Amino acid sequence: MEEEEYELVPLNPLRKMEKRLDRLEKSGIPSQAAGELVDVVKTNQRVVDDMVKTNAELMTKITELTNTVNQMITKMDEFLNRLEVGGTEGQEVQEAPAVNNDVEKRMERMEKRINAVLVSTLAKSRAKQIARPMQR
């Protein structure tokens, strides 16, 4: 079963373009020039359609990325909870703050690295998507 795509498009710019085209046709422009104008409008619409599709794909990928990061955070929390349980069983309670500070520092560094990887991956993906319509 084939899915139909729908999008919201403001009608004011389309109506203005239709009126302009009518005025151009009435002014006696040769049919070749009118044909070229129609081609330009069609090309413009293809570019807009490509941008809409790219934007939708990007939003989907960001949603997937967010879900993956949330899953990873959950797993890290579980891992840290296990570390805390294992660390407090064999050590005195006074040593726990030092261990927690060390773990927190490591977590902050890990979080910064993960964020840097995510940003660079997102930037590369966006650059590829922008480059695709230009190659056509």
Protein backbone atom coordinates (compact mmCIF):
# COMPACT_ATOMS: atom_id res chain seq x y z
CA MET A 1 0.00 0.00 0.00
CA GLU A 2 1.46 3.33 -1.06
CA GLU A 3 1.53 6.18 1.43
CA GLU A 4 0.37 9.59 0.34
CA GLU A 5 2.33 12.60 1.52
CA TYR A 6 0.58 15.73 2.67
CA GLU A 7 2.00 19.09 3.51
CA LEU A 8 0.66 22.47 4.50
CA VAL A 9 1.45 25.13 1.93
CA PRO A 10 0.47 28.79 2.28
CA LEU A 11 -1.75 29.78 -0.63
CA ASN A 12 -0.94 33.52 -0.75
CA PRO A 13 2.42 33.13 -2.53
CA LEU A 14 0.89 30.64 -4.97
CA ARG A 15 -1.98 33.00 -5.77
CA LYS A 16 0.46 35.87 -6.32
CA MET A 17 2.50 33.73 -8.71
CA GLU A 18 -0.68 32.75 -10.60
CA LYS A 19 -1.71 36.39 -10.94
CA ARG A 20 1.76 37.38 -12.13
CA LEU A 21 1.75 34.59 -14.69
CA ASP A 22 -1.69 35.70 -15.93
CA ARG A 23 -0.44 39.29 -16.28
CA LEU A 24 2.65 38.09 -18.14
CA GLU A 25 0.54 36.00 -20.51
CA LYS A 26 -1.79 38.94 -21.17
CA SER A 27 1.10 41.33 -21.80
CA GLY A 28 2.07 39.39 -24.90
CA ILE A 29 5.32 37.75 -23.83
CA PRO A 30 6.43 35.20 -26.38
CA SER A 31 5.49 31.64 -25.52
CA GLN A 32 9.15 30.65 -25.19
CA ALA A 33 9.72 33.13 -22.36
CA ALA A 34 6.53 31.99 -20.62
CA GLY A 35 7.70 28.40 -20.94
CA GLU A 36 11.02 29.31 -19.38
CA LEU A 37 9.21 31.00 -16.50
CA VAL A 38 7.10 27.92 -15.94
CA ASP A 39 10.28 25.80 -15.90
CA VAL A 40 11.81 28.11 -13.30
CA VAL A 41 8.70 27.82 -11.13
CA LYS A 42 8.73 24.03 -11.44
CA THR A 43 12.41 23.88 -10.54
CA ASN A 44 11.76 26.09 -7.55
CA GLN A 45 8.94 23.80 -6.41
CA ARG A 46 11.23 20.74 -6.71
CA VAL A 47 13.82 22.46 -4.52
CA VAL A 48 11.16 23.28 -1.93
CA ASP A 49 9.86 19.69 -2.01
CA ASP A 50 13.40 18.34 -1.52
CA MET A 51 13.94 20.68 1.42
CA VAL A 52 10.66 19.56 3.03
CA LYS A 53 11.60 15.89 2.62
CA THR A 54 15.11 16.49 3.95
CA ASN A 55 13.70 18.34 6.94
CA ALA A 56 11.28 15.49 7.68
CA GLU A 57 14.08 12.92 7.43
CA LEU A 58 16.29 15.02 9.69
CA MET A 59 13.53 15.30 12.28
CA THR A 60 13.07 11.52 12.20
CA LYS A 61 16.78 10.91 12.65
CA ILE A 62 16.96 13.39 15.53
CA THR A 63 14.05 11.61 17.21
CA GLU A 64 15.81 8.27 16.78
CA LEU A 65 19.02 9.77 18.11
CA THR A 66 17.21 11.18 21.13
CA ASN A 67 15.71 7.77 21.89
CA THR A 68 19.11 6.11 21.57
CA VAL A 69 20.72 8.66 23.87
CA ASN A 70 17.93 8.17 26.43
CA GLN A 71 18.49 4.41 26.33
CA MET A 72 22.21 4.93 26.80
CA ILE A 73 21.60 7.24 29.77
CA THR A 74 19.35 4.62 31.34
CA LYS A 75 22.04 1.97 30.89
CA MET A 76 24.68 4.30 32.34
CA ASP A 77 22.46 5.00 35.36
CA GLU A 78 22.04 1.27 35.92
CA PHE A 79 25.79 0.78 35.58
CA LEU A 80 26.52 3.57 38.06
CA ASN A 81 24.00 2.13 40.50
CA ARG A 82 25.81 -1.19 40.32
CA LEU A 83 29.13 0.56 40.90
CA GLU A 84 27.75 2.39 43.91
CA VAL A 85 26.37 -0.83 45.43
CA GLY A 86 29.63 -2.69 44.81
CA GLY A 87 31.75 0.21 46.08
CA THR A 88 29.90 0.68 49.37
CA GLU A 89 29.90 -2.99 50.33
CA GLY A 90 33.67 -3.33 50.70
CA GLN A 91 34.63 0.22 51.74
CA GLU A 92 33.86 2.63 54.50
CA VAL A 93 31.17 5.23 53.96
CA GLN A 94 33.72 8.06 54.30
CA GLU A 95 35.47 7.05 51.09
CA ALA A 96 32.28 7.14 49.02
CA PRO A 97 32.27 10.95 48.36
CA ALA A 98 35.76 10.79 46.84
CA VAL A 99 34.73 7.89 44.62
CA ASN A 100 31.50 9.68 43.66
CA ASN A 101 33.44 12.83 42.72
CA ASP A 102 35.76 10.80 40.54
CA VAL A 103 32.83 8.98 38.91
CA GLU A 104 30.99 12.28 38.38
CA LYS A 105 34.05 13.84 36.72
CA ARG A 106 34.40 10.82 34.47
CA MET A 107 30.69 10.95 33.65
CA GLU A 108 30.95 14.65 32.75
CA ARG A 109 33.91 13.97 30.45
CA MET A 110 32.09 11.03 28.88
CA GLU A 111 28.97 13.14 28.39
CA LYS A 112 31.02 15.89 26.70
CA ARG A 113 32.63 13.35 24.38
CA ILE A 114 29.27 11.79 23.51
CA ASN A 115 27.78 15.22 22.81
CA ALA A 116 30.74 16.11 20.59
CA VAL A 117 30.31 12.87 18.63
CA LEU A 118 26.57 13.46 18.27
CA VAL A 119 27.05 17.03 17.07
CA SER A 120 29.72 16.07 14.55
CA THR A 121 27.61 13.16 13.25
CA LEU A 122 24.59 15.40 12.94
CA ALA A 123 26.62 18.06 11.13
CA LYS A 124 28.04 15.51 8.68
CA SER A 125 24.58 14.10 8.03
CA ARG A 126 23.14 17.57 7.45
CA ALA A 127 25.99 18.49 5.10
CA LYS A 128 25.39 15.35 3.03
CA GLN A 129 21.67 16.08 2.81
CA ILE A 130 22.31 19.64 1.70
CA ALA A 131 24.86 18.50 -0.87
CA ARG A 132 22.46 15.94 -2.42
CA PRO A 133 19.97 18.45 -3.92
CA MET A 134 22.83 20.55 -5.31
CA GLN A 135 24.20 17.58 -7.25
CA ARG A 136 20.96 17.05 -9.16
